[in-house]
Protein backbone atom coordinates (compact mmCIF):
# COMPACT_ATOMS: atom_id res chain seq x y z
CA MET A 1 104.15 88.97 83.45
CA ARG A 2 103.94 87.41 86.90
CA LEU A 3 101.46 89.34 89.03
CA ILE A 4 100.54 88.95 92.70
CA MET A 5 97.06 90.16 93.65
CA LEU A 6 97.30 91.28 97.28
CA ASP A 7 95.01 92.47 100.05
CA THR A 8 95.19 92.89 103.83
CA GLU A 9 92.79 93.31 106.72
CA THR A 10 93.84 95.41 109.70
CA THR A 11 92.89 96.64 113.17
CA GLY A 12 92.39 100.18 111.88
CA LEU A 13 93.46 102.79 109.39
CA SER A 14 97.02 103.74 110.29
CA PRO A 15 100.11 101.71 111.27
CA LEU A 16 101.62 104.94 112.62
CA ASN A 17 98.82 105.02 115.20
CA GLY A 18 99.57 101.47 116.29
CA ASP A 19 97.25 99.58 113.94
CA ARG A 20 98.47 96.21 112.65
CA MET A 21 97.51 93.58 110.08
CA VAL A 22 95.21 90.72 111.05
CA GLU A 23 95.09 88.96 107.66
CA ILE A 24 97.07 88.93 104.45
CA GLY A 25 96.06 87.22 101.22
CA ALA A 26 97.76 87.01 97.84
CA ILE A 27 97.12 85.11 94.61
CA GLU A 28 99.42 84.60 91.64
CA VAL A 29 98.37 85.52 88.11
CA LEU A 30 100.68 84.44 85.31
CA ASN A 31 100.14 85.37 81.66
CA ARG A 32 96.63 86.57 82.58
CA LYS A 33 95.69 83.21 84.11
CA VAL A 34 94.66 83.04 87.78
CA LEU A 35 96.61 80.16 89.33
CA SER A 36 95.42 77.93 92.14
CA GLY A 37 97.08 75.53 94.54
CA ASP A 38 99.32 76.02 97.57
CA ASN A 39 102.32 77.18 95.52
CA HIS A 40 100.33 80.03 93.98
CA VAL A 41 98.40 81.30 97.01
CA PHE A 42 99.68 82.99 100.15
CA HIS A 43 97.22 83.39 103.01
CA HIS A 44 97.59 83.87 106.75
CA TYR A 45 95.65 85.24 109.66
CA ILE A 46 98.02 87.29 111.79
CA ASN A 47 98.20 87.98 115.52
CA PRO A 48 98.46 91.80 115.66
CA GLU A 49 99.67 91.76 119.27
CA ARG A 50 96.95 94.22 120.21
CA ASN A 51 93.19 94.37 120.64
CA ILE A 52 90.95 94.39 117.57
CA PRO A 53 88.24 97.09 117.97
CA ALA A 54 84.64 95.91 117.74
CA GLU A 55 83.83 98.39 114.96
CA VAL A 56 86.56 96.83 112.83
CA VAL A 57 85.43 93.27 113.58
CA ARG A 58 82.06 94.19 112.05
CA ILE A 59 83.86 94.89 108.76
CA HIS A 60 86.02 91.77 108.37
CA GLY A 61 84.73 89.41 111.07
CA ILE A 62 88.18 88.75 112.53
CA ASP A 63 88.07 89.04 116.32
CA ASN A 64 90.61 88.51 119.08
CA ALA A 65 89.65 84.86 119.54
CA LYS A 66 90.18 84.06 115.87
CA ILE A 67 93.79 85.27 115.81
CA LYS A 68 94.75 84.28 119.38
CA HIS A 69 96.96 81.43 118.18
CA ALA A 70 97.80 82.87 114.75
CA PRO A 71 101.43 83.61 113.84
CA LYS A 72 102.84 87.11 114.24
CA PHE A 73 103.85 88.83 111.02
CA ARG A 74 107.56 88.35 111.70
CA ASP A 75 106.94 84.59 111.78
CA ILE A 76 105.63 84.55 108.21
CA ALA A 77 107.51 87.52 106.79
CA GLN A 78 110.20 85.53 104.99
CA GLN A 79 107.58 83.26 103.40
CA PHE A 80 105.81 86.37 102.17
CA LEU A 81 108.99 87.92 100.77
CA ASP A 82 109.84 84.65 98.99
CA PHE A 83 106.32 84.47 97.53
CA ILE A 84 106.36 87.96 96.01
CA GLU A 85 109.98 87.92 94.86
CA GLY A 86 110.32 88.90 91.20
CA ALA A 87 106.62 89.68 90.80
CA THR A 88 104.61 92.86 90.33
CA LEU A 89 102.09 93.49 93.11
CA VAL A 90 98.54 94.45 92.17
CA ILE A 91 96.73 96.22 95.01
CA HIS A 92 93.48 98.18 95.23
CA ASN A 93 94.49 101.38 97.05
CA ALA A 94 98.15 100.43 97.19
CA SER A 95 99.28 103.07 99.69
CA PHE A 96 97.05 101.54 102.39
CA ASP A 97 98.19 97.92 102.21
CA LEU A 98 101.80 98.77 101.40
CA GLY A 99 101.88 101.15 104.35
CA PHE A 100 101.11 98.32 106.75
CA ILE A 101 103.43 95.79 105.10
CA MET A 102 106.40 98.13 104.79
CA HIS A 103 105.94 99.41 108.33
CA GLU A 104 105.88 95.85 109.66
CA LEU A 105 109.02 94.91 107.74
CA HIS A 106 110.73 98.01 109.11
CA LEU A 107 109.70 97.24 112.71
CA ASN A 108 111.22 93.78 112.45
CA ASP A 109 114.45 94.84 110.71
CA LEU A 110 113.51 92.84 107.63
CA PRO A 111 114.37 93.67 104.00
CA ASN A 112 112.28 96.50 102.59
CA ILE A 113 110.28 96.17 99.39
CA GLN A 114 110.50 99.79 98.27
CA ASP A 115 111.82 98.79 94.84
CA ILE A 116 109.20 96.14 94.05
CA GLN A 117 106.88 97.12 91.19
CA VAL A 118 103.26 97.88 92.12
CA ILE A 119 100.05 98.46 90.17
CA ASP A 120 97.33 100.43 91.97
CA THR A 121 93.99 99.36 90.49
CA LEU A 122 92.14 102.09 92.39
CA ALA A 123 94.21 104.81 90.73
CA PHE A 124 93.69 103.16 87.34
CA ALA A 125 89.95 102.76 87.92
CA ARG A 126 89.62 106.45 88.78
CA LYS A 127 91.20 107.35 85.44
CA LYS A 128 89.18 104.79 83.50
CA HIS A 129 85.89 105.55 85.27
CA PRO A 130 86.06 109.17 86.50
CA ASN A 131 83.35 110.54 88.79
CA GLN A 132 82.09 107.06 89.60
CA ARG A 133 82.32 104.74 92.60
CA ASN A 134 85.46 102.65 92.20
CA ASN A 135 85.64 100.50 95.30
CA LEU A 136 85.98 96.75 94.80
CA ASP A 137 82.24 96.08 95.09
CA ALA A 138 81.38 98.73 92.50
CA LEU A 139 84.00 97.42 90.08
CA CYS A 140 82.75 93.85 90.49
CA ASP A 141 79.26 95.02 89.59
CA ARG A 142 80.57 97.08 86.64
CA TYR A 143 82.49 94.12 85.21
CA GLU A 144 79.78 91.58 86.10
CA ILE A 145 81.92 89.64 88.56
CA GLU A 146 79.97 87.47 90.97
CA ARG A 147 80.40 88.66 94.56
CA GLY A 148 77.30 87.29 96.26
CA HIS A 149 79.50 85.20 98.58
CA ARG A 150 81.21 88.35 99.89
CA GLU A 151 79.30 89.24 103.05
CA LEU A 152 82.39 90.47 104.89
CA HIS A 153 85.76 91.80 103.78
CA GLY A 154 88.45 89.13 103.63
CA ALA A 155 92.02 89.38 102.33
CA LEU A 156 92.02 86.14 100.35
CA LEU A 157 88.52 86.58 98.91
CA ASP A 158 89.26 90.18 97.99
CA SER A 159 92.48 89.10 96.27
CA GLU A 160 90.45 86.65 94.18
CA LEU A 161 87.93 89.36 93.27
CA LEU A 162 90.75 91.79 92.54
CA ALA A 163 92.23 89.33 90.05
CA GLU A 164 88.95 89.24 88.15
CA VAL A 165 88.59 93.03 88.33
CA TYR A 166 92.13 93.57 87.06
CA LEU A 167 91.57 91.24 84.12
CA GLY A 168 88.25 92.91 83.40
CA MET A 169 89.73 96.41 83.41
CA THR A 170 92.61 95.38 81.14
CA GLY A 171 90.69 93.49 78.48
CA GLY A 172 89.92 90.06 79.86
CA ARG A 173 91.92 86.84 79.92
CA GLN A 174 93.05 87.08 76.31
CA PHE A 175 96.73 88.09 76.27
CA SER A 176 97.57 91.19 74.28
CA LEU A 177 100.59 93.48 74.21
CA GLY A 178 100.05 96.85 75.88
CA MET A 179 97.08 95.57 77.83
CA ASP A 180 98.59 95.71 81.31
CA ILE A 181 98.63 98.81 83.52
CA PRO A 182 101.98 100.56 84.02
CA SER A 183 103.58 99.87 87.38
CA LEU A 184 105.54 102.03 89.83
CA PRO A 185 107.99 101.15 92.62
CA ALA A 186 106.47 100.70 96.07
CA SER A 187 108.35 103.76 97.29
CA SER A 188 106.11 105.85 95.01
CA PHE A 189 103.13 104.91 97.17
CA VAL A 190 104.63 104.79 100.68
CA GLN A 191 107.49 106.61 102.37
CA LEU A 192 108.10 105.55 105.94
CA PRO A 193 108.45 108.56 108.28
CA GLU A 194 111.66 107.11 109.71
CA HIS A 195 113.20 107.33 106.24
CA SER A 196 111.70 110.59 105.01
CA ARG A 197 112.48 112.40 108.26
CA GLY A 198 116.21 111.93 107.78
CA ARG A 199 116.08 113.29 104.26
CA ASP A 200 113.95 116.25 105.34
CA GLU A 201 116.35 117.14 108.14
CA LYS A 202 119.34 116.88 105.81
CA ALA A 203 117.61 119.13 103.29
CA GLU A 204 116.81 121.70 105.95
CA THR A 205 120.37 121.60 107.28
CA ALA A 206 121.79 121.94 103.77
CA ASN A 207 119.66 125.01 103.15
CA LEU A 208 120.76 126.56 106.43
CA MET A 209 124.42 125.90 105.67
CA LYS A 210 124.07 127.71 102.34
CA ARG A 211 122.91 130.91 104.03
CA SER A 212 125.47 133.66 104.47
CA THR A 213 126.29 134.81 108.01
CA PRO A 214 124.13 137.82 108.88
CA PRO A 215 126.06 141.03 109.57
CA ILE A 216 126.67 141.93 113.22
CA ALA A 217 127.07 145.58 114.27
CA ASP A 218 130.03 146.53 116.50
CA HIS A 219 127.82 147.43 119.44
CA GLU A 220 126.05 144.06 119.21
CA HIS A 221 129.38 142.24 119.20
CA GLU A 222 130.61 144.22 122.23
CA ALA A 223 127.35 143.50 124.10
CA HIS A 224 127.73 139.80 123.35
CA ILE A 225 131.33 139.72 124.66
CA SER A 226 130.29 141.60 127.78
CA MET A 227 127.51 139.10 128.47
CA MET A 228 129.83 136.13 127.97
CA GLN A 229 132.38 137.64 130.38
CA ARG A 230 129.68 138.21 132.97
CA ILE A 231 128.44 134.62 132.73
CA HIS A 232 132.01 133.35 132.97
CA LYS A 233 132.63 135.40 136.11
CA GLU A 234 129.37 134.46 137.85
CA SER A 235 129.96 130.75 137.13
CA ASP A 236 133.39 130.89 138.77
CA GLY A 237 135.12 130.24 135.48
CA GLN A 238 133.19 127.06 134.64
CA THR A 239 131.97 128.12 131.19
CA LEU A 240 132.94 125.71 128.40
CA TRP A 241 134.03 128.39 125.95
CA HIS A 242 136.88 129.34 128.34
CA HIS A 243 137.90 125.75 129.15
CA PRO A 244 141.60 125.19 128.26
CA GLU A 245 140.83 122.01 126.30
CA LEU A 246 138.37 123.90 124.09
CA ALA A 247 140.53 126.98 123.54
């Protein structure tokens, strides 16, 4: 199975609040072997086209000066799509990273990745190690993965650590059938509001259309007609419901 370990760094917690990616890193794992070299690694700093808050810089060390001349996501999007094509993405807390990526693709009218298969190692870790800390640092310590060089968060470094964590949680580098974690389509983790809103509105409309017309008493109907006639008279006959073209 061809896997892509993926991580992002961002300006904040929510793309719907205007936050954007500042770094994306991905590493290829094939047949449980972590591959190296330019053809197997995707890494870019990204100009988010907005200010990076100081409190976020303290987490990943990426400030405005560092990404001033970096490409915008739309400039590298096709390279990214080509890199992940046909692979299964492995992400720690998939809904977070996918939310940013899918939102960015949507903003730039680029192909969506809602059907790509995704493994969420955080969800798996919570099942495998319930009632324990399951962030990347804790899992590295649990599986004895060296992380002393990780002083700050970084998308590429965290992708490398994630590869080791994934292999550790699924039995090591020795290939064995049934060892990998089941995957789900990206749409299971993220649903863009622009897409879900349309479906919600259609569902609401469908339910309304199924309702029977409530009964109207004769006196209510007569009062309604009287009011319409009054409005028509006071508007000098300009009401639309009496317009000849709409009769």
